[in-house]
Amino acid sequence: MKVKRDGNTAITLDRNTAGPLIIACSKGGTSIEDLAEKYPDMIIKVPIDVFKGITDDDAAKVVDGLAPKVADRTDSIEQVKKLYKLFSESDCTLLEVSMINPLAETSSNQLVAADAKLNFDDNAAFRQKQIFSLRHPSQEDPLGVAAARADLNYIGLDGEIGCMVNGAGLAMATMDIIKLHGGTPANFLDVGGNDSEGQVMFFTLDYFRNNVEHVVEAFKILTSDEKVKAILVNIFGGIMKCDVIASGIVNAVKNVALKVPVVVRLEGTNVEQGKRILKESGMTLITAEDLDDAAEKAVKAASK
């Protein structure tokens, strides 16, 4: 097959349209972000109605934008529709046919998906068992794999302060304020947890009473990173009471041979009782009054 030219094409999920979005450009060889900056008029965006699915008109907009002189237009439209079918039926979050994975126009003026990159929704693993059976943990971050097994959300970074929080938004705020105080987060560890058969949500009364080993695993993951010089635990007790949260943290710390200082900031229901439990635990835990105080103490502890 002789390639006449190649372009960038991707199907992803778009918040603005609340559905799949096909993004395409006839100019290949570089990232779609760079192309959007240099050649904004060349970028084709075709939102797909998630309830109706892709139509011939939708696919035609992509084909005409990529290769207006393509010989077999009907065949090319079907090719785009098949890509969307793959995206939809495989629960993809991204299907990319671009750069080294070109949607190529051949010398006979046909569009061919020569290769592709696909990302899949982890929440659809139960539906896509065959696809997820191909997953190879050896190609992933070992700490991330361990976190997934413990139902924790972990992303490794390059800093020195481990962050344990409940909620992605709180995690982002925690990392930002650490940076503000001159520190660098070592990871993003969200212990929010997921519902699964036989398992309750992470911060529930039953969880802390009966599943302390889960919190222990979180601390083990944090301390497994040799770059971590201090740990900041930032937990908001909403429906879950802070005194129960504090008891869970104390019980978990007792089961882990911590070699780095731990700063704990609690906020929410029964926060004073929670702070008292931490103080009277006999553990070497550093308590903080608020998030600003917690970040400052964590940065200071990590620098010692």
C-alpha atoms as a PDB file:
ATOM      1  CA  MET A   1       0.000   0.000   0.000  1.00  0.00           C
ATOM      2  CA  LYS A   2       1.449   3.345  -1.058  1.00  0.00           C
ATOM      3  CA  VAL A   3       0.430   6.187   1.235  1.00  0.00           C
ATOM      4  CA  LYS A   4      -0.378   9.394  -0.605  1.00  0.00           C
ATOM      5  CA  ARG A   5      -0.819  11.398   2.609  1.00  0.00           C
ATOM      6  CA  ASP A   6      -1.994  10.968   6.156  1.00  0.00           C
ATOM      7  CA  GLY A   7      -3.984  13.001   8.633  1.00  0.00           C
ATOM      8  CA  ASN A   8      -4.877  13.225  12.288  1.00  0.00           C
ATOM      9  CA  THR A   9      -8.184  11.755  13.447  1.00  0.00           C
ATOM     10  CA  ALA A  10      -9.472  10.989  16.913  1.00  0.00           C
ATOM     11  CA  ILE A  11     -12.727  10.136  18.631  1.00  0.00           C
ATOM     12  CA  THR A  12     -12.919  11.233  22.234  1.00  0.00           C
ATOM     13  CA  LEU A  13     -15.443  12.283  24.873  1.00  0.00           C
ATOM     14  CA  ASP A  14     -16.391  15.949  24.955  1.00  0.00           C
ATOM     15  CA  ARG A  15     -17.789  17.670  28.046  1.00  0.00           C
ATOM     16  CA  ASN A  16     -19.251  20.579  26.088  1.00  0.00           C
ATOM     17  CA  THR A  17     -21.447  18.403  23.894  1.00  0.00           C
ATOM     18  CA  ALA A  18     -21.890  15.676  26.536  1.00  0.00           C
ATOM     19  CA  GLY A  19     -21.002  12.978  24.045  1.00  0.00           C
ATOM     20  CA  PRO A  20     -18.430  11.633  21.590  1.00  0.00           C
ATOM     21  CA  LEU A  21     -16.570  14.083  19.377  1.00  0.00           C
ATOM     22  CA  ILE A  22     -14.668  13.322  16.191  1.00  0.00           C
ATOM     23  CA  ILE A  23     -11.681  15.610  15.704  1.00  0.00           C
ATOM     24  CA  ALA A  24      -9.834  15.445  12.394  1.00  0.00           C
ATOM     25  CA  CYS A  25      -7.255  17.305  10.357  1.00  0.00           C
ATOM     26  CA  SER A  26      -5.905  16.568   6.888  1.00  0.00           C
ATOM     27  CA  LYS A  27      -2.383  17.570   7.871  1.00  0.00           C
ATOM     28  CA  GLY A  28      -0.528  14.732   9.625  1.00  0.00           C
ATOM     29  CA  GLY A  29       2.915  14.348  11.160  1.00  0.00           C
ATOM     30  CA  THR A  30       2.378  16.271  14.389  1.00  0.00           C
ATOM     31  CA  SER A  31       0.074  16.432  17.403  1.00  0.00           C
ATOM     32  CA  ILE A  32      -3.483  17.675  17.035  1.00  0.00           C
ATOM     33  CA  GLU A  33      -2.780  20.299  19.725  1.00  0.00           C
ATOM     34  CA  ASP A  34       0.003  21.859  17.641  1.00  0.00           C
ATOM     35  CA  LEU A  35      -2.153  21.740  14.531  1.00  0.00           C
ATOM     36  CA  ALA A  36      -5.037  23.459  16.320  1.00  0.00           C
ATOM     37  CA  GLU A  37      -2.688  26.300  17.240  1.00  0.00           C
ATOM     38  CA  LYS A  38      -1.023  26.683  13.846  1.00  0.00           C
ATOM     39  CA  TYR A  39      -3.878  25.718  11.506  1.00  0.00           C
ATOM     40  CA  PRO A  40      -7.169  26.271  13.398  1.00  0.00           C
ATOM     41  CA  ASP A  41      -9.213  26.365  10.174  1.00  0.00           C
ATOM     42  CA  MET A  42      -7.997  22.885   9.251  1.00  0.00           C
ATOM     43  CA  ILE A  43      -9.468  21.284  12.369  1.00  0.00           C
ATOM     44  CA  ILE A  44     -12.744  19.443  11.808  1.00  0.00           C
ATOM     45  CA  LYS A  45     -14.960  18.850  14.836  1.00  0.00           C
ATOM     46  CA  VAL A  46     -18.026  16.660  14.473  1.00  0.00           C
ATOM     47  CA  PRO A  47     -20.059  16.013  17.646  1.00  0.00           C
ATOM     48  CA  ILE A  48     -22.015  12.764  17.688  1.00  0.00           C
ATOM     49  CA  ASP A  49     -25.428  12.398  19.302  1.00  0.00           C
ATOM     50  CA  VAL A  50     -24.815   9.610  21.801  1.00  0.00           C
ATOM     51  CA  PHE A  51     -28.434   8.451  21.509  1.00  0.00           C
ATOM     52  CA  LYS A  52     -28.667   8.439  17.708  1.00  0.00           C
ATOM     53  CA  GLY A  53     -25.113   7.347  16.978  1.00  0.00           C
ATOM     54  CA  ILE A  54     -23.116   8.415  13.950  1.00  0.00           C
ATOM     55  CA  THR A  55     -25.007   9.276  10.768  1.00  0.00           C
ATOM     56  CA  ASP A  56     -23.897   9.305   7.145  1.00  0.00           C
ATOM     57  CA  ASP A  57     -23.879  13.109   7.287  1.00  0.00           C
ATOM     58  CA  ASP A  58     -21.599  13.056  10.346  1.00  0.00           C
ATOM     59  CA  ALA A  59     -19.152  10.692   8.678  1.00  0.00           C
ATOM     60  CA  ALA A  60     -19.299  12.682   5.437  1.00  0.00           C
ATOM     61  CA  LYS A  61     -18.191  15.838   7.236  1.00  0.00           C
ATOM     62  CA  VAL A  62     -15.091  13.991   8.432  1.00  0.00           C
ATOM     63  CA  VAL A  63     -14.321  12.447   5.033  1.00  0.00           C
ATOM     64  CA  ASP A  64     -14.835  15.688   3.092  1.00  0.00           C
ATOM     65  CA  GLY A  65     -12.659  17.581   5.555  1.00  0.00           C
ATOM     66  CA  LEU A  66      -9.844  15.029   5.387  1.00  0.00           C
ATOM     67  CA  ALA A  67      -9.842  14.139   1.710  1.00  0.00           C
ATOM     68  CA  PRO A  68     -12.265  16.172  -0.424  1.00  0.00           C
ATOM     69  CA  LYS A  69     -11.079  14.442  -3.617  1.00  0.00           C
ATOM     70  CA  VAL A  70     -11.229  10.874  -2.315  1.00  0.00           C
ATOM     71  CA  ALA A  71     -12.328   8.491  -5.065  1.00  0.00           C
ATOM     72  CA  ASP A  72     -14.603   6.174  -3.148  1.00  0.00           C
ATOM     73  CA  ARG A  73     -16.413   8.607  -0.877  1.00  0.00           C
ATOM     74  CA  THR A  74     -19.049   6.067   0.144  1.00  0.00           C
ATOM     75  CA  ASP A  75     -16.439   3.530   1.194  1.00  0.00           C
ATOM     76  CA  SER A  76     -14.572   6.195   3.187  1.00  0.00           C
ATOM     77  CA  ILE A  77     -17.778   7.231   4.971  1.00  0.00           C
ATOM     78  CA  GLU A  78     -18.299   3.610   5.955  1.00  0.00           C
ATOM     79  CA  GLN A  79     -14.716   3.498   7.255  1.00  0.00           C
ATOM     80  CA  VAL A  80     -15.363   6.434   9.593  1.00  0.00           C
ATOM     81  CA  LYS A  81     -18.618   4.856  10.750  1.00  0.00           C
ATOM     82  CA  LYS A  82     -16.799   1.614  11.522  1.00  0.00           C
ATOM     83  CA  LEU A  83     -14.259   3.530  13.619  1.00  0.00           C
ATOM     84  CA  TYR A  84     -17.096   5.066  15.618  1.00  0.00           C
ATOM     85  CA  LYS A  85     -18.721   1.632  15.994  1.00  0.00           C
ATOM     86  CA  LEU A  86     -15.439   0.327  17.424  1.00  0.00           C
ATOM     87  CA  PHE A  87     -15.210   3.316  19.771  1.00  0.00           C
ATOM     88  CA  SER A  88     -18.771   2.879  21.009  1.00  0.00           C
ATOM     89  CA  GLU A  89     -18.995  -0.897  21.301  1.00  0.00           C
ATOM     90  CA  SER A  90     -15.588  -1.208  22.998  1.00  0.00           C
ATOM     91  CA  ASP A  91     -16.330   1.486  25.614  1.00  0.00           C
ATOM     92  CA  CYS A  92     -13.400   3.596  24.476  1.00  0.00           C
ATOM     93  CA  THR A  93     -12.522   6.924  26.023  1.00  0.00           C
ATOM     94  CA  LEU A  94     -10.169   7.627  23.107  1.00  0.00           C
ATOM     95  CA  LEU A  95      -9.664   6.213  19.647  1.00  0.00           C
ATOM     96  CA  GLU A  96      -6.770   7.926  17.923  1.00  0.00           C
ATOM     97  CA  VAL A  97      -5.800   7.389  14.316  1.00  0.00           C
ATOM     98  CA  SER A  98      -3.057   9.962  13.901  1.00  0.00           C
ATOM     99  CA  MET A  99       0.657  10.714  13.860  1.00  0.00           C
ATOM    100  CA  ILE A 100       2.343   7.281  13.904  1.00  0.00           C
ATOM    101  CA  ASN A 101      -1.142   5.742  13.723  1.00  0.00           C
ATOM    102  CA  PRO A 102      -2.328   7.354  10.474  1.00  0.00           C
ATOM    103  CA  LEU A 103      -5.686   7.487   8.814  1.00  0.00           C
ATOM    104  CA  ALA A 104      -4.010   7.359   5.440  1.00  0.00           C
ATOM    105  CA  GLU A 105      -5.163   8.211   1.951  1.00  0.00           C
ATOM    106  CA  THR A 106      -3.686   5.682  -0.458  1.00  0.00           C
ATOM    107  CA  SER A 107      -2.455   6.266  -3.989  1.00  0.00           C
ATOM    108  CA  SER A 108      -5.807   4.900  -5.144  1.00  0.00           C
ATOM    109  CA  ASN A 109      -7.584   7.594  -3.103  1.00  0.00           C
ATOM    110  CA  GLN A 110      -8.985   5.352  -0.382  1.00  0.00           C
ATOM    111  CA  LEU A 111      -8.965   6.103   3.353  1.00  0.00           C
ATOM    112  CA  VAL A 112      -7.339   3.366   5.430  1.00  0.00           C
ATOM    113  CA  ALA A 113      -6.858   3.193   9.202  1.00  0.00           C
ATOM    114  CA  ALA A 114      -3.314   1.883   9.191  1.00  0.00           C
ATOM    115  CA  ASP A 115      -3.005   1.672  12.965  1.00  0.00           C
ATOM    116  CA  ALA A 116      -4.731   3.045  16.067  1.00  0.00           C
ATOM    117  CA  LYS A 117      -4.338   3.889  19.726  1.00  0.00           C
ATOM    118  CA  LEU A 118      -7.258   3.071  22.004  1.00  0.00           C
ATOM    119  CA  ASN A 119      -7.998   3.883  25.649  1.00  0.00           C
ATOM    120  CA  PHE A 120     -10.792   2.050  27.442  1.00  0.00           C
ATOM    121  CA  ASP A 121     -13.100   3.039  30.273  1.00  0.00           C
ATOM    122  CA  ASP A 122     -12.076   1.131  33.416  1.00  0.00           C
ATOM    123  CA  ASN A 123     -15.696   1.246  34.582  1.00  0.00           C
ATOM    124  CA  ALA A 124     -16.648  -0.922  31.608  1.00  0.00           C
ATOM    125  CA  ALA A 125     -14.257  -3.743  32.514  1.00  0.00           C
ATOM    126  CA  PHE A 126     -17.177  -5.995  33.412  1.00  0.00           C
ATOM    127  CA  ARG A 127     -18.536  -5.519  29.867  1.00  0.00           C
ATOM    128  CA  GLN A 128     -15.192  -5.745  28.084  1.00  0.00           C
ATOM    129  CA  LYS A 129     -13.674  -8.800  29.761  1.00  0.00           C
ATOM    130  CA  GLN A 130     -11.886  -9.950  26.620  1.00  0.00           C
ATOM    131  CA  ILE A 131     -10.204  -6.582  26.133  1.00  0.00           C
ATOM    132  CA  PHE A 132      -9.207  -6.181  29.777  1.00  0.00           C
ATOM    133  CA  SER A 133      -7.844  -9.735  29.890  1.00  0.00           C
ATOM    134  CA  LEU A 134      -5.069  -8.445  27.602  1.00  0.00           C
ATOM    135  CA  ARG A 135      -3.924  -5.964  30.242  1.00  0.00           C
ATOM    136  CA  HIS A 136      -0.274  -6.498  31.207  1.00  0.00           C
ATOM    137  CA  PRO A 137       0.591  -5.108  34.693  1.00  0.00           C
ATOM    138  CA  SER A 138       4.325  -5.331  33.969  1.00  0.00           C
ATOM    139  CA  GLN A 139       3.878  -2.418  31.565  1.00  0.00           C
ATOM    140  CA  GLU A 140       2.360  -0.205  34.290  1.00  0.00           C
ATOM    141  CA  ASP A 141       3.582   1.605  37.392  1.00  0.00           C
ATOM    142  CA  PRO A 142       3.886  -1.103  40.120  1.00  0.00           C
ATOM    143  CA  LEU A 143       2.485   1.276  42.753  1.00  0.00           C
ATOM    144  CA  GLY A 144      -0.446   2.084  40.507  1.00  0.00           C
ATOM    145  CA  VAL A 145      -1.134  -1.621  40.056  1.00  0.00           C
ATOM    146  CA  ALA A 146      -0.992  -2.180  43.832  1.00  0.00           C
ATOM    147  CA  ALA A 147      -3.326   0.757  44.390  1.00  0.00           C
ATOM    148  CA  ALA A 148      -5.850  -0.566  41.865  1.00  0.00           C
ATOM    149  CA  ARG A 149      -5.882  -3.929  43.628  1.00  0.00           C
ATOM    150  CA  ALA A 150      -6.674  -2.112  46.877  1.00  0.00           C
ATOM    151  CA  ASP A 151      -9.407  -0.053  45.172  1.00  0.00           C
ATOM    152  CA  LEU A 152      -7.370   3.151  45.451  1.00  0.00           C
ATOM    153  CA  ASN A 153      -6.744   5.775  42.785  1.00  0.00           C
ATOM    154  CA  TYR A 154      -3.016   6.489  42.456  1.00  0.00           C
ATOM    155  CA  ILE A 155      -0.929   8.630  40.125  1.00  0.00           C
ATOM    156  CA  GLY A 156       2.806   8.860  40.763  1.00  0.00           C
ATOM    157  CA  LEU A 157       4.539  12.240  40.515  1.00  0.00           C
ATOM    158  CA  ASP A 158       8.116  13.422  41.072  1.00  0.00           C
ATOM    159  CA  GLY A 159       7.919  15.202  44.427  1.00  0.00           C
ATOM    160  CA  GLU A 160       8.679  14.390  48.048  1.00  0.00           C
ATOM    161  CA  ILE A 161       5.307  14.724  49.823  1.00  0.00           C
ATOM    162  CA  GLY A 162       2.844  11.850  49.630  1.00  0.00           C
ATOM    163  CA  CYS A 163      -0.805  12.984  49.524  1.00  0.00           C
ATOM    164  CA  MET A 164      -3.636  10.849  50.913  1.00  0.00           C
ATOM    165  CA  VAL A 165      -7.056  12.445  50.435  1.00  0.00           C
ATOM    166  CA  ASN A 166     -10.697  11.507  49.914  1.00  0.00           C
ATOM    167  CA  GLY A 167     -11.909  13.007  46.677  1.00  0.00           C
ATOM    168  CA  ALA A 168     -10.224  14.085  43.450  1.00  0.00           C
ATOM    169  CA  GLY A 169     -11.083  17.760  43.942  1.00  0.00           C
ATOM    170  CA  LEU A 170      -9.557  17.781  47.397  1.00  0.00           C
ATOM    171  CA  ALA A 171      -6.509  16.009  45.992  1.00  0.00           C
ATOM    172  CA  MET A 172      -5.959  18.728  43.382  1.00  0.00           C
ATOM    173  CA  ALA A 173      -6.368  21.479  45.989  1.00  0.00           C
ATOM    174  CA  THR A 174      -3.936  19.687  48.313  1.00  0.00           C
ATOM    175  CA  MET A 175      -1.282  19.382  45.629  1.00  0.00           C
ATOM    176  CA  ASP A 176      -1.712  23.022  44.635  1.00  0.00           C
ATOM    177  CA  ILE A 177      -1.260  24.331  48.169  1.00  0.00           C
ATOM    178  CA  ILE A 178       1.800  22.119  48.692  1.00  0.00           C
ATOM    179  CA  LYS A 179       3.333  23.791  45.641  1.00  0.00           C
ATOM    180  CA  LEU A 180       2.313  27.186  47.007  1.00  0.00           C
ATOM    181  CA  HIS A 181       4.354  26.519  50.151  1.00  0.00           C
ATOM    182  CA  GLY A 182       7.422  25.471  48.196  1.00  0.00           C
ATOM    183  CA  GLY A 183       6.946  21.689  48.258  1.00  0.00           C
ATOM    184  CA  THR A 184       6.270  19.158  45.518  1.00  0.00           C
ATOM    185  CA  PRO A 185       3.638  16.391  45.676  1.00  0.00           C
ATOM    186  CA  ALA A 186       4.981  12.879  45.225  1.00  0.00           C
ATOM    187  CA  ASN A 187       1.686  11.398  44.142  1.00  0.00           C
ATOM    188  CA  PHE A 188      -2.062  11.666  43.861  1.00  0.00           C
ATOM    189  CA  LEU A 189      -3.640   9.031  46.130  1.00  0.00           C
ATOM    190  CA  ASP A 190      -7.402   9.328  46.293  1.00  0.00           C
ATOM    191  CA  VAL A 191      -8.833   6.874  48.799  1.00  0.00           C
ATOM    192  CA  GLY A 192     -12.398   7.637  47.776  1.00  0.00           C
ATOM    193  CA  GLY A 193     -12.942   4.010  46.752  1.00  0.00           C
ATOM    194  CA  ASN A 194     -15.658   2.414  44.650  1.00  0.00           C
ATOM    195  CA  ASP A 195     -18.759   0.383  45.324  1.00  0.00           C
ATOM    196  CA  SER A 196     -18.277  -3.292  44.554  1.00  0.00           C
ATOM    197  CA  GLU A 197     -19.915  -6.530  45.534  1.00  0.00           C
ATOM    198  CA  GLY A 198     -19.399  -7.223  49.231  1.00  0.00           C
ATOM    199  CA  GLN A 199     -17.625  -3.895  49.796  1.00  0.00           C
ATOM    200  CA  VAL A 200     -18.831  -0.624  51.252  1.00  0.00           C
ATOM    201  CA  MET A 201     -17.638   2.859  50.370  1.00  0.00           C
ATOM    202  CA  PHE A 202     -14.215   3.745  51.749  1.00  0.00           C
ATOM    203  CA  PHE A 203     -15.134   6.251  54.440  1.00  0.00           C
ATOM    204  CA  THR A 204     -18.069   4.574  56.137  1.00  0.00           C
ATOM    205  CA  LEU A 205     -18.379   3.378  59.701  1.00  0.00           C
ATOM    206  CA  ASP A 206     -18.217  -0.287  58.691  1.00  0.00           C
ATOM    207  CA  TYR A 207     -15.155   0.408  56.580  1.00  0.00           C
ATOM    208  CA  PHE A 208     -13.073   1.802  59.424  1.00  0.00           C
ATOM    209  CA  ARG A 209     -14.286  -0.806  61.859  1.00  0.00           C
ATOM    210  CA  ASN A 210     -13.735  -3.814  59.649  1.00  0.00           C
ATOM    211  CA  ASN A 211     -11.365  -2.818  56.838  1.00  0.00           C
ATOM    212  CA  VAL A 212      -8.405  -1.100  58.477  1.00  0.00           C
ATOM    213  CA  GLU A 213      -6.132  -3.233  56.291  1.00  0.00           C
ATOM    214  CA  HIS A 214      -7.315  -1.126  53.351  1.00  0.00           C
ATOM    215  CA  VAL A 215      -5.994   2.041  54.981  1.00  0.00           C
ATOM    216  CA  VAL A 216      -2.808   0.160  55.860  1.00  0.00           C
ATOM    217  CA  GLU A 217      -2.346  -0.624  52.183  1.00  0.00           C
ATOM    218  CA  ALA A 218      -2.684   3.064  51.347  1.00  0.00           C
ATOM    219  CA  PHE A 219       0.130   3.937  53.759  1.00  0.00           C
ATOM    220  CA  LYS A 220       2.266   1.086  52.404  1.00  0.00           C
ATOM    221  CA  ILE A 221       1.872   2.401  48.882  1.00  0.00           C
ATOM    222  CA  LEU A 222       2.874   5.903  49.944  1.00  0.00           C
ATOM    223  CA  THR A 223       5.923   4.747  51.868  1.00  0.00           C
ATOM    224  CA  SER A 224       7.005   2.383  49.068  1.00  0.00           C
ATOM    225  CA  ASP A 225       8.061   5.413  47.076  1.00  0.00           C
ATOM    226  CA  GLU A 226      11.612   6.188  48.160  1.00  0.00           C
ATOM    227  CA  LYS A 227      11.179   9.820  47.138  1.00  0.00           C
ATOM    228  CA  VAL A 228       8.494  10.380  49.790  1.00  0.00           C
ATOM    229  CA  LYS A 229       9.930  12.327  52.744  1.00  0.00           C
ATOM    230  CA  ALA A 230       6.600  13.155  54.418  1.00  0.00           C
ATOM    231  CA  ILE A 231       2.923  12.213  54.125  1.00  0.00           C
ATOM    232  CA  LEU A 232       0.015  14.633  54.211  1.00  0.00           C
ATOM    233  CA  VAL A 233      -3.357  13.090  55.052  1.00  0.00           C
ATOM    234  CA  ASN A 234      -6.115  15.550  54.180  1.00  0.00           C
ATOM    235  CA  ILE A 235      -9.580  14.157  54.901  1.00  0.00           C
ATOM    236  CA  PHE A 236     -12.956  15.855  54.906  1.00  0.00           C
ATOM    237  CA  GLY A 237     -15.570  14.188  57.100  1.00  0.00           C
ATOM    238  CA  GLY A 238     -18.973  14.979  55.670  1.00  0.00           C
ATOM    239  CA  ILE A 239     -21.427  12.160  56.211  1.00  0.00           C
ATOM    240  CA  MET A 240     -18.556  10.261  57.833  1.00  0.00           C
ATOM    241  CA  LYS A 241     -17.632  11.608  61.255  1.00  0.00           C
ATOM    242  CA  CYS A 242     -14.086  12.809  61.939  1.00  0.00           C
ATOM    243  CA  ASP A 243     -13.745  10.822  65.176  1.00  0.00           C
ATOM    244  CA  VAL A 244     -14.342   7.593  63.251  1.00  0.00           C
ATOM    245  CA  ILE A 245     -11.920   8.706  60.546  1.00  0.00           C
ATOM    246  CA  ALA A 246      -9.268   9.515  63.161  1.00  0.00           C
ATOM    247  CA  SER A 247      -9.682   6.099  64.765  1.00  0.00           C
ATOM    248  CA  GLY A 248      -9.219   4.457  61.388  1.00  0.00           C
ATOM    249  CA  ILE A 249      -6.039   6.430  60.681  1.00  0.00           C
ATOM    250  CA  VAL A 250      -4.573   5.605  64.112  1.00  0.00           C
ATOM    251  CA  ASN A 251      -5.331   1.897  63.726  1.00  0.00           C
ATOM    252  CA  ALA A 252      -3.793   1.883  60.263  1.00  0.00           C
ATOM    253  CA  VAL A 253      -0.623   3.702  61.324  1.00  0.00           C
ATOM    254  CA  LYS A 254      -0.137   1.180  64.134  1.00  0.00           C
ATOM    255  CA  ASN A 255       0.085  -1.543  61.507  1.00  0.00           C
ATOM    256  CA  VAL A 256       2.651   0.205  59.318  1.00  0.00           C
ATOM    257  CA  ALA A 257       6.282   0.815  60.234  1.00  0.00           C
ATOM    258  CA  LEU A 258       6.331   4.453  59.189  1.00  0.00           C
ATOM    259  CA  LYS A 259       9.737   5.933  58.497  1.00  0.00           C
ATOM    260  CA  VAL A 260       8.542   9.392  57.495  1.00  0.00           C
ATOM    261  CA  PRO A 261       6.526  12.057  59.379  1.00  0.00           C
ATOM    262  CA  VAL A 262       2.741  12.116  58.863  1.00  0.00           C
ATOM    263  CA  VAL A 263       0.726  15.336  58.911  1.00  0.00           C
ATOM    264  CA  VAL A 264      -3.036  14.916  59.392  1.00  0.00           C
ATOM    265  CA  ARG A 265      -5.667  17.540  58.671  1.00  0.00           C
ATOM    266  CA  LEU A 266      -9.287  16.726  59.462  1.00  0.00           C
ATOM    267  CA  GLU A 267     -12.341  18.876  58.840  1.00  0.00           C
ATOM    268  CA  GLY A 268     -16.049  18.223  59.207  1.00  0.00           C
ATOM    269  CA  THR A 269     -18.403  16.563  61.671  1.00  0.00           C
ATOM    270  CA  ASN A 270     -16.928  15.828  65.136  1.00  0.00           C
ATOM    271  CA  VAL A 271     -13.601  17.348  64.110  1.00  0.00           C
ATOM    272  CA  GLU A 272     -12.585  18.214  67.693  1.00  0.00           C
ATOM    273  CA  GLN A 273     -13.169  14.644  68.860  1.00  0.00           C
ATOM    274  CA  GLY A 274     -11.128  13.439  65.909  1.00  0.00           C
ATOM    275  CA  LYS A 275      -8.225  15.725  66.748  1.00  0.00           C
ATOM    276  CA  ARG A 276      -8.328  14.542  70.354  1.00  0.00           C
ATOM    277  CA  ILE A 277      -8.123  10.901  69.254  1.00  0.00           C
ATOM    278  CA  LEU A 278      -5.071  11.705  67.134  1.00  0.00           C
ATOM    279  CA  LYS A 279      -3.425  13.612  69.982  1.00  0.00           C
ATOM    280  CA  GLU A 280      -4.090  10.926  72.595  1.00  0.00           C
ATOM    281  CA  SER A 281      -3.100   8.027  70.347  1.00  0.00           C
ATOM    282  CA  GLY A 282       0.555   8.129  71.383  1.00  0.00           C
ATOM    283  CA  MET A 283       1.478   8.021  67.685  1.00  0.00           C
ATOM    284  CA  THR A 284       3.931  10.512  66.229  1.00  0.00           C
ATOM    285  CA  LEU A 285       1.283  12.232  64.119  1.00  0.00           C
ATOM    286  CA  ILE A 286       1.476  15.946  63.318  1.00  0.00           C
ATOM    287  CA  THR A 287      -1.977  17.528  63.435  1.00  0.00           C
ATOM    288  CA  ALA A 288      -2.919  20.642  61.479  1.00  0.00           C
ATOM    289  CA  GLU A 289      -5.623  23.246  62.012  1.00  0.00           C
ATOM    290  CA  ASP A 290      -6.449  23.857  58.357  1.00  0.00           C
ATOM    291  CA  LEU A 291      -5.202  23.023  54.864  1.00  0.00           C
ATOM    292  CA  ASP A 292      -2.767  25.926  54.758  1.00  0.00           C
ATOM    293  CA  ASP A 293      -1.278  24.863  58.106  1.00  0.00           C
ATOM    294  CA  ALA A 294      -1.137  21.237  56.953  1.00  0.00           C
ATOM    295  CA  ALA A 295       0.732  22.068  53.751  1.00  0.00           C
ATOM    296  CA  GLU A 296       3.204  24.276  55.591  1.00  0.00           C
ATOM    297  CA  LYS A 297       3.914  21.560  58.168  1.00  0.00           C
ATOM    298  CA  ALA A 298       4.241  18.869  55.494  1.00  0.00           C
ATOM    299  CA  VAL A 299       6.761  20.928  53.505  1.00  0.00           C
ATOM    300  CA  LYS A 300       8.722  21.652  56.669  1.00  0.00           C
ATOM    301  CA  ALA A 301       8.698  17.979  57.712  1.00  0.00           C
ATOM    302  CA  ALA A 302       9.851  16.837  54.283  1.00  0.00           C
ATOM    303  CA  SER A 303      12.798  19.246  54.313  1.00  0.00           C
ATOM    304  CA  LYS A 304      14.304  17.856  57.526  1.00  0.00           C
END
